[in-house]
C-alpha cells in the first residue's frame, strides 16, 4: 500500500517525536507506512461476535474403538 502521508509530513512527525533516523532508515520506513496504517485500522475495529466464528470440534478416538 502506498503511504498515506507525504514525506514532509513524515519528517515533521519524526522531528516532533525527536526520533533521529538516517536517510537510509527514513527511505526504508516511509514505503511501509501505508501497510502500518492498514494494520492499525484492523486493530481498532471491534472483533466479530462469537456467533460469527466457526465452530471447532475435536474428537479423539482410538481406531477401532470409535463405535463403542
PDB file of N, CA and C in Angstrom:
ATOM      1  N   UNK A   1       0.836  -1.176   0.000  1.00  0.00           N
ATOM      2  CA  UNK A   1       0.000   0.000   0.000  1.00  0.00           C
ATOM      3  C   UNK A   1       0.882   1.241   0.000  1.00  0.00           C
ATOM      4  N   UNK A   2       0.492   2.241  -0.725  1.00  0.00           N
ATOM      5  CA  UNK A   2       1.277   3.484  -0.700  1.00  0.00           C
ATOM      6  C   UNK A   2       1.085   4.204   0.636  1.00  0.00           C
ATOM      7  N   UNK A   3       2.080   4.967   1.054  1.00  0.00           N
ATOM      8  CA  UNK A   3       1.940   5.684   2.325  1.00  0.00           C
ATOM      9  C   UNK A   3       0.789   6.686   2.270  1.00  0.00           C
ATOM     10  N   UNK A   4       0.170   6.896   3.410  1.00  0.00           N
ATOM     11  CA  UNK A   4      -0.969   7.815   3.482  1.00  0.00           C
ATOM     12  C   UNK A   4      -0.537   9.236   3.814  1.00  0.00           C
ATOM     13  N   UNK A   5       0.745   9.443   4.108  1.00  0.00           N
ATOM     14  CA  UNK A   5       1.252  10.781   4.401  1.00  0.00           C
ATOM     15  C   UNK A   5       2.391  11.099   3.444  1.00  0.00           C
ATOM     16  N   UNK A   6       2.675  12.371   3.305  1.00  0.00           N
ATOM     17  CA  UNK A   6       3.764  12.786   2.425  1.00  0.00           C
ATOM     18  C   UNK A   6       5.094  12.666   3.168  1.00  0.00           C
ATOM     19  N   UNK A   7       6.165  12.770   2.407  1.00  0.00           N
ATOM     20  CA  UNK A   7       7.494  12.701   3.019  1.00  0.00           C
ATOM     21  C   UNK A   7       7.715  13.870   3.977  1.00  0.00           C
ATOM     22  N   UNK A   8       7.188  15.043   3.631  1.00  0.00           N
ATOM     23  CA  UNK A   8       7.327  16.211   4.507  1.00  0.00           C
ATOM     24  C   UNK A   8       6.585  15.994   5.823  1.00  0.00           C
ATOM     25  N   UNK A   9       5.392  15.397   5.756  1.00  0.00           N
ATOM     26  CA  UNK A   9       4.643  15.101   6.980  1.00  0.00           C
ATOM     27  C   UNK A   9       5.378  14.073   7.843  1.00  0.00           C
ATOM     28  N   UNK A  10       5.985  13.090   7.186  1.00  0.00           N
ATOM     29  CA  UNK A  10       6.755  12.072   7.887  1.00  0.00           C
ATOM     30  C   UNK A  10       7.944  12.707   8.601  1.00  0.00           C
ATOM     31  N   UNK A  11       8.642  13.606   7.917  1.00  0.00           N
ATOM     32  CA  UNK A  11       9.778  14.315   8.526  1.00  0.00           C
ATOM     33  C   UNK A  11       9.310  15.128   9.727  1.00  0.00           C
ATOM     34  N   UNK A  12       8.155  15.769   9.618  1.00  0.00           N
ATOM     35  CA  UNK A  12       7.629  16.572  10.728  1.00  0.00           C
ATOM     36  C   UNK A  12       7.286  15.691  11.929  1.00  0.00           C
ATOM     37  N   UNK A  13       6.703  14.524  11.671  1.00  0.00           N
ATOM     38  CA  UNK A  13       6.378  13.605  12.766  1.00  0.00           C
ATOM     39  C   UNK A  13       7.642  13.134  13.480  1.00  0.00           C
ATOM     40  N   UNK A  14       8.676  12.817  12.707  1.00  0.00           N
ATOM     41  CA  UNK A  14       9.932  12.378  13.302  1.00  0.00           C
ATOM     42  C   UNK A  14      10.563  13.496  14.128  1.00  0.00           C
ATOM     43  N   UNK A  15      10.532  14.706  13.602  1.00  0.00           N
ATOM     44  CA  UNK A  15      11.113  15.844  14.319  1.00  0.00           C
ATOM     45  C   UNK A  15      10.344  16.119  15.607  1.00  0.00           C
ATOM     46  N   UNK A  16       9.023  16.070  15.554  1.00  0.00           N
ATOM     47  CA  UNK A  16       8.205  16.342  16.737  1.00  0.00           C
ATOM     48  C   UNK A  16       8.429  15.283  17.812  1.00  0.00           C
ATOM     49  N   UNK A  17       8.625  14.022  17.390  1.00  0.00           N
ATOM     50  CA  UNK A  17       8.856  12.936  18.342  1.00  0.00           C
ATOM     51  C   UNK A  17      10.310  12.863  18.788  1.00  0.00           C
ATOM     52  N   UNK A  18      11.184  13.577  18.090  1.00  0.00           N
ATOM     53  CA  UNK A  18      12.599  13.553  18.443  1.00  0.00           C
ATOM     54  C   UNK A  18      13.289  12.247  18.090  1.00  0.00           C
ATOM     55  N   UNK A  19      12.863  11.635  17.005  1.00  0.00           N
ATOM     56  CA  UNK A  19      13.435  10.360  16.580  1.00  0.00           C
ATOM     57  C   UNK A  19      14.506  10.624  15.517  1.00  0.00           C
ATOM     58  N   UNK A  20      15.754  10.392  15.855  1.00  0.00           N
ATOM     59  CA  UNK A  20      16.811  10.607  14.862  1.00  0.00           C
ATOM     60  C   UNK A  20      16.986   9.379  13.963  1.00  0.00           C
ATOM     61  N   UNK A  21      16.720   9.554  12.695  1.00  0.00           N
ATOM     62  CA  UNK A  21      16.890   8.468  11.724  1.00  0.00           C
ATOM     63  C   UNK A  21      17.834   8.915  10.624  1.00  0.00           C
ATOM     64  N   UNK A  22      18.566   7.972  10.094  1.00  0.00           N
ATOM     65  CA  UNK A  22      19.424   8.264   8.954  1.00  0.00           C
ATOM     66  C   UNK A  22      18.558   8.349   7.707  1.00  0.00           C
ATOM     67  N   UNK A  23      19.061   8.965   6.643  1.00  0.00           N
ATOM     68  CA  UNK A  23      18.277   8.999   5.400  1.00  0.00           C
ATOM     69  C   UNK A  23      17.914   7.604   4.875  1.00  0.00           C
ATOM     70  N   UNK A  24      18.811   6.636   5.064  1.00  0.00           N
ATOM     71  CA  UNK A  24      18.512   5.268   4.622  1.00  0.00           C
ATOM     72  C   UNK A  24      17.362   4.670   5.428  1.00  0.00           C
ATOM     73  N   UNK A  25      17.338   4.930   6.733  1.00  0.00           N
ATOM     74  CA  UNK A  25      16.254   4.421   7.566  1.00  0.00           C
ATOM     75  C   UNK A  25      14.923   5.070   7.175  1.00  0.00           C
ATOM     76  N   UNK A  26      14.960   6.368   6.935  1.00  0.00           N
ATOM     77  CA  UNK A  26      13.739   7.074   6.525  1.00  0.00           C
ATOM     78  C   UNK A  26      13.218   6.530   5.204  1.00  0.00           C
ATOM     79  N   UNK A  27      14.134   6.281   4.280  1.00  0.00           N
ATOM     80  CA  UNK A  27      13.739   5.754   2.968  1.00  0.00           C
ATOM     81  C   UNK A  27      13.149   4.351   3.087  1.00  0.00           C
ATOM     82  N   UNK A  28      13.573   3.587   4.073  1.00  0.00           N
ATOM     83  CA  UNK A  28      13.036   2.242   4.260  1.00  0.00           C
ATOM     84  C   UNK A  28      11.708   2.216   4.983  1.00  0.00           C
ATOM     85  N   UNK A  29      11.495   3.181   5.873  1.00  0.00           N
ATOM     86  CA  UNK A  29      10.269   3.200   6.669  1.00  0.00           C
ATOM     87  C   UNK A  29       9.106   3.820   5.910  1.00  0.00           C
ATOM     88  N   UNK A  30       9.354   4.870   5.176  1.00  0.00           N
ATOM     89  CA  UNK A  30       8.276   5.607   4.505  1.00  0.00           C
ATOM     90  C   UNK A  30       7.380   4.721   3.633  1.00  0.00           C
ATOM     91  N   UNK A  31       7.915   3.828   2.803  1.00  0.00           N
ATOM     92  CA  UNK A  31       7.019   2.994   1.987  1.00  0.00           C
ATOM     93  C   UNK A  31       6.153   2.033   2.808  1.00  0.00           C
ATOM     94  N   UNK A  32       6.581   1.686   4.014  1.00  0.00           N
ATOM     95  CA  UNK A  32       5.832   0.742   4.840  1.00  0.00           C
ATOM     96  C   UNK A  32       4.713   1.405   5.632  1.00  0.00           C
ATOM     97  N   UNK A  33       4.653   2.716   5.655  1.00  0.00           N
ATOM     98  CA  UNK A  33       3.659   3.411   6.465  1.00  0.00           C
ATOM     99  C   UNK A  33       2.223   3.114   6.027  1.00  0.00           C
ATOM    100  N   UNK A  34       2.002   2.912   4.749  1.00  0.00           N
ATOM    101  CA  UNK A  34       0.653   2.578   4.277  1.00  0.00           C
ATOM    102  C   UNK A  34       0.173   1.255   4.838  1.00  0.00           C
ATOM    103  N   UNK A  35       1.052   0.268   4.859  1.00  0.00           N
ATOM    104  CA  UNK A  35       0.702  -1.033   5.431  1.00  0.00           C
ATOM    105  C   UNK A  35       0.467  -0.952   6.923  1.00  0.00           C
ATOM    106  N   UNK A  36       1.263  -0.147   7.610  1.00  0.00           N
ATOM    107  CA  UNK A  36       1.072   0.027   9.052  1.00  0.00           C
ATOM    108  C   UNK A  36      -0.267   0.687   9.357  1.00  0.00           C
ATOM    109  N   UNK A  37      -0.647   1.657   8.544  1.00  0.00           N
ATOM    110  CA  UNK A  37      -1.938   2.322   8.733  1.00  0.00           C
ATOM    111  C   UNK A  37      -3.088   1.332   8.522  1.00  0.00           C
ATOM    112  N   UNK A  38      -2.949   0.442   7.554  1.00  0.00           N
ATOM    113  CA  UNK A  38      -3.988  -0.567   7.313  1.00  0.00           C
ATOM    114  C   UNK A  38      -4.086  -1.525   8.496  1.00  0.00           C
ATOM    115  N   UNK A  39      -2.943  -1.906   9.090  1.00  0.00           N
ATOM    116  CA  UNK A  39      -2.963  -2.787  10.251  1.00  0.00           C
ATOM    117  C   UNK A  39      -3.596  -2.090  11.460  1.00  0.00           C
ATOM    118  N   UNK A  40      -3.315  -0.808  11.621  1.00  0.00           N
ATOM    119  CA  UNK A  40      -3.928  -0.055  12.715  1.00  0.00           C
ATOM    120  C   UNK A  40      -5.444  -0.047  12.583  1.00  0.00           C
ATOM    121  N   UNK A  41      -5.929   0.101  11.372  1.00  0.00           N
ATOM    122  CA  UNK A  41      -7.381   0.109  11.151  1.00  0.00           C
ATOM    123  C   UNK A  41      -7.990  -1.231  11.552  1.00  0.00           C
ATOM    124  N   UNK A  42      -7.299  -2.331  11.279  1.00  0.00           N
ATOM    125  CA  UNK A  42      -7.815  -3.650  11.662  1.00  0.00           C
ATOM    126  C   UNK A  42      -7.846  -3.818  13.176  1.00  0.00           C
ATOM    127  N   UNK A  43      -6.842  -3.299  13.850  1.00  0.00           N
ATOM    128  CA  UNK A  43      -6.773  -3.428  15.303  1.00  0.00           C
ATOM    129  C   UNK A  43      -7.882  -2.625  15.963  1.00  0.00           C
ATOM    130  N   UNK A  44      -8.213  -1.499  15.401  1.00  0.00           N
ATOM    131  CA  UNK A  44      -9.188  -0.603  16.021  1.00  0.00           C
ATOM    132  C   UNK A  44     -10.644  -0.950  15.705  1.00  0.00           C
ATOM    133  N   UNK A  45     -10.880  -1.963  14.902  1.00  0.00           N
ATOM    134  CA  UNK A  45     -12.256  -2.376  14.620  1.00  0.00           C
ATOM    135  C   UNK A  45     -12.687  -3.400  15.664  1.00  0.00           C
ATOM    136  N   UNK A  46     -13.950  -3.426  16.029  1.00  0.00           N
ATOM    137  CA  UNK A  46     -14.397  -4.407  17.032  1.00  0.00           C
ATOM    138  C   UNK A  46     -14.293  -5.828  16.482  1.00  0.00           C
ATOM    139  N   UNK A  47     -14.027  -6.788  17.347  1.00  0.00           N
ATOM    140  CA  UNK A  47     -13.939  -8.176  16.880  1.00  0.00           C
ATOM    141  C   UNK A  47     -15.308  -8.699  16.479  1.00  0.00           C
ATOM    142  N   UNK A  48     -15.347  -9.739  15.665  1.00  0.00           N
ATOM    143  CA  UNK A  48     -16.646 -10.307  15.286  1.00  0.00           C
ATOM    144  C   UNK A  48     -17.316 -10.968  16.496  1.00  0.00           C
ATOM    145  N   UNK A  49     -18.602 -11.063  16.442  1.00  0.00           N
ATOM    146  CA  UNK A  49     -19.344 -11.717  17.520  1.00  0.00           C
ATOM    147  C   UNK A  49     -18.979 -13.193  17.580  1.00  0.00           C
ATOM    148  N   UNK A  50     -19.168 -13.786  18.733  1.00  0.00           N
ATOM    149  CA  UNK A  50     -18.830 -15.203  18.908  1.00  0.00           C
ATOM    150  C   UNK A  50     -19.620 -16.081  17.942  1.00  0.00           C
ATOM    151  N   UNK A  51     -20.830 -15.655  17.620  1.00  0.00           N
ATOM    152  CA  UNK A  51     -21.661 -16.445  16.702  1.00  0.00           C
ATOM    153  C   UNK A  51     -21.094 -16.466  15.285  1.00  0.00           C
ATOM    154  N   UNK A  52     -20.263 -15.481  14.947  1.00  0.00           N
ATOM    155  CA  UNK A  52     -19.705 -15.411  13.596  1.00  0.00           C
ATOM    156  C   UNK A  52     -18.481 -16.301  13.429  1.00  0.00           C
ATOM    157  N   UNK A  53     -17.915 -16.757  14.538  1.00  0.00           N
ATOM    158  CA  UNK A  53     -16.732 -17.616  14.468  1.00  0.00           C
ATOM    159  C   UNK A  53     -17.138 -19.048  14.127  1.00  0.00           C
ATOM    160  N   UNK A  54     -16.338 -19.732  13.329  1.00  0.00           N
ATOM    161  CA  UNK A  54     -16.675 -21.123  13.010  1.00  0.00           C
ATOM    162  C   UNK A  54     -16.478 -22.023  14.233  1.00  0.00           C
ATOM    163  N   UNK A  55     -17.314 -23.028  14.341  1.00  0.00           N
ATOM    164  CA  UNK A  55     -17.200 -23.973  15.446  1.00  0.00           C
ATOM    165  C   UNK A  55     -16.063 -24.945  15.177  1.00  0.00           C
ATOM    166  N   UNK A  56     -15.366 -25.309  16.223  1.00  0.00           N
ATOM    167  CA  UNK A  56     -14.284 -26.274  16.111  1.00  0.00           C
ATOM    168  C   UNK A  56     -14.631 -27.469  16.985  1.00  0.00           C
ATOM    169  N   UNK A  57     -14.580 -28.646  16.411  1.00  0.00           N
ATOM    170  CA  UNK A  57     -14.882 -29.865  17.159  1.00  0.00           C
ATOM    171  C   UNK A  57     -13.688 -30.782  17.034  1.00  0.00           C
ATOM    172  N   UNK A  58     -13.246 -31.291  18.154  1.00  0.00           N
ATOM    173  CA  UNK A  58     -12.126 -32.213  18.173  1.00  0.00           C
ATOM    174  C   UNK A  58     -12.552 -33.451  18.934  1.00  0.00           C
ATOM    175  N   UNK A  59     -12.465 -34.585  18.302  1.00  0.00           N
ATOM    176  CA  UNK A  59     -12.796 -35.846  18.960  1.00  0.00           C
ATOM    177  C   UNK A  59     -11.611 -36.777  18.830  1.00  0.00           C
ATOM    178  N   UNK A  60     -11.160 -37.281  19.962  1.00  0.00           N
ATOM    179  CA  UNK A  60     -10.013 -38.178  19.956  1.00  0.00           C
ATOM    180  C   UNK A  60     -10.518 -39.589  20.230  1.00  0.00           C
ATOM    181  N   UNK A  61     -10.358 -40.454  19.274  1.00  0.00           N
ATOM    182  CA  UNK A  61     -10.784 -41.842  19.441  1.00  0.00           C
ATOM    183  C   UNK A  61      -9.714 -42.750  18.858  1.00  0.00           C
ATOM    184  N   UNK A  62      -9.497 -43.851  19.515  1.00  0.00           N
ATOM    185  CA  UNK A  62      -8.548 -44.837  19.022  1.00  0.00           C
ATOM    186  C   UNK A  62      -9.219 -45.576  17.874  1.00  0.00           C
ATOM    187  N   UNK A  63      -8.471 -45.833  16.811  1.00  0.00           N
ATOM    188  CA  UNK A  63      -9.050 -46.554  15.675  1.00  0.00           C
ATOM    189  C   UNK A  63      -9.611 -47.896  16.125  1.00  0.00           C
ATOM    190  N   UNK A  64     -10.804 -48.211  15.713  1.00  0.00           N
ATOM    191  CA  UNK A  64     -11.440 -49.468  16.067  1.00  0.00           C
ATOM    192  C   UNK A  64     -12.313 -49.354  17.300  1.00  0.00           C
ATOM    193  N   UNK A  65     -12.158 -48.294  18.073  1.00  0.00           N
ATOM    194  CA  UNK A  65     -12.967 -48.119  19.269  1.00  0.00           C
ATOM    195  C   UNK A  65     -13.988 -46.998  19.098  1.00  0.00           C
ATOM    196  N   UNK A  66     -14.105 -46.428  17.947  1.00  0.00           N
ATOM    197  CA  UNK A  66     -14.977 -45.286  17.736  1.00  0.00           C
ATOM    198  C   UNK A  66     -16.448 -45.641  17.906  1.00  0.00           C
ATOM    199  N   UNK A  67     -16.841 -46.883  17.673  1.00  0.00           N
ATOM    200  CA  UNK A  67     -18.233 -47.258  17.762  1.00  0.00           C
ATOM    201  C   UNK A  67     -18.690 -47.664  19.154  1.00  0.00           C
ATOM    202  N   UNK A  68     -17.851 -47.688  20.133  1.00  0.00           N
ATOM    203  CA  UNK A  68     -18.239 -48.162  21.470  1.00  0.00           C
ATOM    204  C   UNK A  68     -19.007 -47.184  22.263  1.00  0.00           C
TER     205      UNK A  68
END
